[in-house]
Protein backbone atom coordinates (compact mmCIF):
# COMPACT_ATOMS: atom_id res chain seq x y z
CA TRP A 1 -125.34 -76.95 -126.05
CA LEU A 2 -123.06 -74.40 -124.48
CA THR A 3 -121.17 -71.65 -126.20
CA ILE A 4 -117.41 -71.52 -126.27
CA ASP A 5 -115.92 -69.25 -123.63
CA GLY A 6 -114.52 -66.48 -125.82
CA GLN A 7 -112.78 -64.79 -122.90
CA GLU A 8 -110.77 -67.91 -122.19
CA ILE A 9 -109.76 -68.21 -125.84
CA TYR A 10 -108.83 -64.53 -125.96
CA ARG A 11 -106.70 -64.94 -122.85
CA HIS A 12 -104.49 -67.44 -124.70
CA THR A 13 -104.26 -65.60 -128.03
CA LYS A 14 -100.72 -64.37 -127.50
CA ALA A 15 -99.45 -67.81 -126.47
CA ALA A 16 -101.15 -69.38 -129.49
CA GLY A 17 -99.47 -66.81 -131.72
CA HIS A 18 -96.05 -67.70 -130.33
CA ILE A 19 -96.71 -71.40 -130.84
CA PHE A 20 -97.81 -70.73 -134.42
CA GLU A 21 -94.63 -68.75 -135.13
CA LYS A 22 -92.42 -71.49 -133.72
CA VAL A 23 -94.18 -74.29 -135.62
CA SER A 24 -94.19 -72.36 -138.91
CA ASP A 25 -90.52 -71.36 -138.47
CA GLU A 26 -89.54 -74.99 -137.92
CA ALA A 27 -91.58 -76.14 -140.92
CA LEU A 28 -89.98 -73.49 -143.12
CA TYR A 29 -86.53 -74.65 -142.05
CA ARG A 30 -87.35 -78.34 -142.42
CA LYS A 31 -88.94 -77.99 -145.86
CA MET A 32 -86.86 -75.20 -147.40
CA GLY A 33 -83.78 -74.70 -145.22
CA PHE A 34 -84.67 -71.12 -144.25
CA ARG A 35 -84.14 -69.72 -140.78
CA VAL A 36 -86.43 -66.95 -139.56
CA ALA A 37 -85.67 -64.42 -136.82
CA THR A 38 -87.24 -61.36 -135.29
CA ARG A 39 -85.92 -58.16 -136.83
CA PRO A 40 -83.76 -55.92 -134.61
CA ASP A 41 -86.63 -53.43 -134.33
CA GLY A 42 -88.85 -56.21 -132.95
CA VAL A 43 -91.69 -55.32 -135.32
CA ALA A 44 -91.67 -58.34 -137.61
CA ARG A 45 -89.84 -61.51 -138.55
CA GLU A 46 -87.66 -62.07 -141.59
CA VAL A 47 -85.63 -64.75 -143.31
CA VAL A 48 -82.06 -64.80 -141.96
CA GLY A 49 -79.22 -64.25 -144.42
CA ILE A 50 -80.96 -62.03 -146.96
CA SER A 51 -79.28 -58.66 -147.23
CA GLU A 52 -81.30 -55.50 -146.85
CA GLU A 53 -80.30 -54.57 -150.39
CA LYS A 54 -81.74 -57.79 -151.86
CA ARG A 55 -84.82 -57.63 -149.66
CA ASP A 56 -85.53 -54.07 -150.77
CA LYS A 57 -84.89 -54.94 -154.42
CA TYR A 58 -87.59 -57.61 -154.43
CA SER A 59 -90.07 -55.98 -152.08
CA SER A 60 -92.61 -54.12 -154.20
CA ARG A 61 -94.59 -53.25 -151.09
CA ARG A 62 -91.53 -51.63 -149.51
CA ARG A 63 -90.86 -49.68 -152.72
CA THR A 64 -94.46 -48.46 -152.80
CA ILE A 65 -94.32 -47.37 -149.16
CA THR A 66 -90.93 -45.69 -149.58
CA LYS A 67 -92.03 -43.81 -152.69
CA GLY A 68 -95.35 -42.74 -151.18
CA THR A 69 -93.69 -41.64 -147.95
CA ALA A 70 -91.13 -39.57 -149.88
CA GLU A 71 -93.93 -37.86 -151.80
CA LEU A 72 -95.81 -37.07 -148.60
CA ALA A 73 -92.63 -35.84 -146.91
CA LYS A 74 -91.91 -33.51 -149.83
CA ALA A 75 -95.43 -32.09 -149.71
CA TYR A 76 -95.14 -31.71 -145.94
CA GLU A 77 -91.86 -29.82 -146.26
CA GLU A 78 -93.29 -27.54 -148.95
CA ARG A 79 -96.32 -26.82 -146.77
CA THR A 80 -94.55 -26.34 -143.43
CA GLY A 81 -91.07 -25.21 -144.42
CA ARG A 82 -89.39 -28.04 -142.53
CA ALA A 83 -88.68 -31.70 -143.06
CA PRO A 84 -90.89 -34.14 -141.17
CA GLY A 85 -89.46 -35.73 -138.05
CA ALA A 86 -89.13 -39.45 -137.39
CA HIS A 87 -92.58 -39.73 -135.82
CA GLU A 88 -94.20 -37.90 -138.72
CA LEU A 89 -92.36 -40.06 -141.26
CA ALA A 90 -93.51 -43.20 -139.46
CA ARG A 91 -97.12 -41.99 -139.54
CA MET A 92 -96.80 -41.18 -143.25
CA ALA A 93 -95.43 -44.66 -143.94
CA GLN A 94 -98.31 -46.20 -142.01
CA TRP A 95 -100.81 -44.16 -143.96
CA VAL A 96 -99.27 -45.16 -147.31
CA ASN A 97 -99.24 -48.81 -146.23
CA LEU A 98 -102.90 -48.75 -145.24
CA THR A 99 -104.24 -46.93 -148.29
């Protein structure tokens, strides 16, 4: 018996991910009529045609992150005397998301 060449598999991980996205997007459309597209920020994919307002209304995770980030930003401003910048807010949101 020989072991599988992990380096060769790793080399194709990104391509496999793209294939998975395409196949799952097509299945979602075929079975449910939904189209999926990459968000403008390029970070994730989302169902096309759902307004940001509706998405935010039904996204408990987003609400949790937004609330937690606001609390951290308030504490930051009280501690430093200035509002956090965009980079700091992004780090706060990441921290809230991961805890």
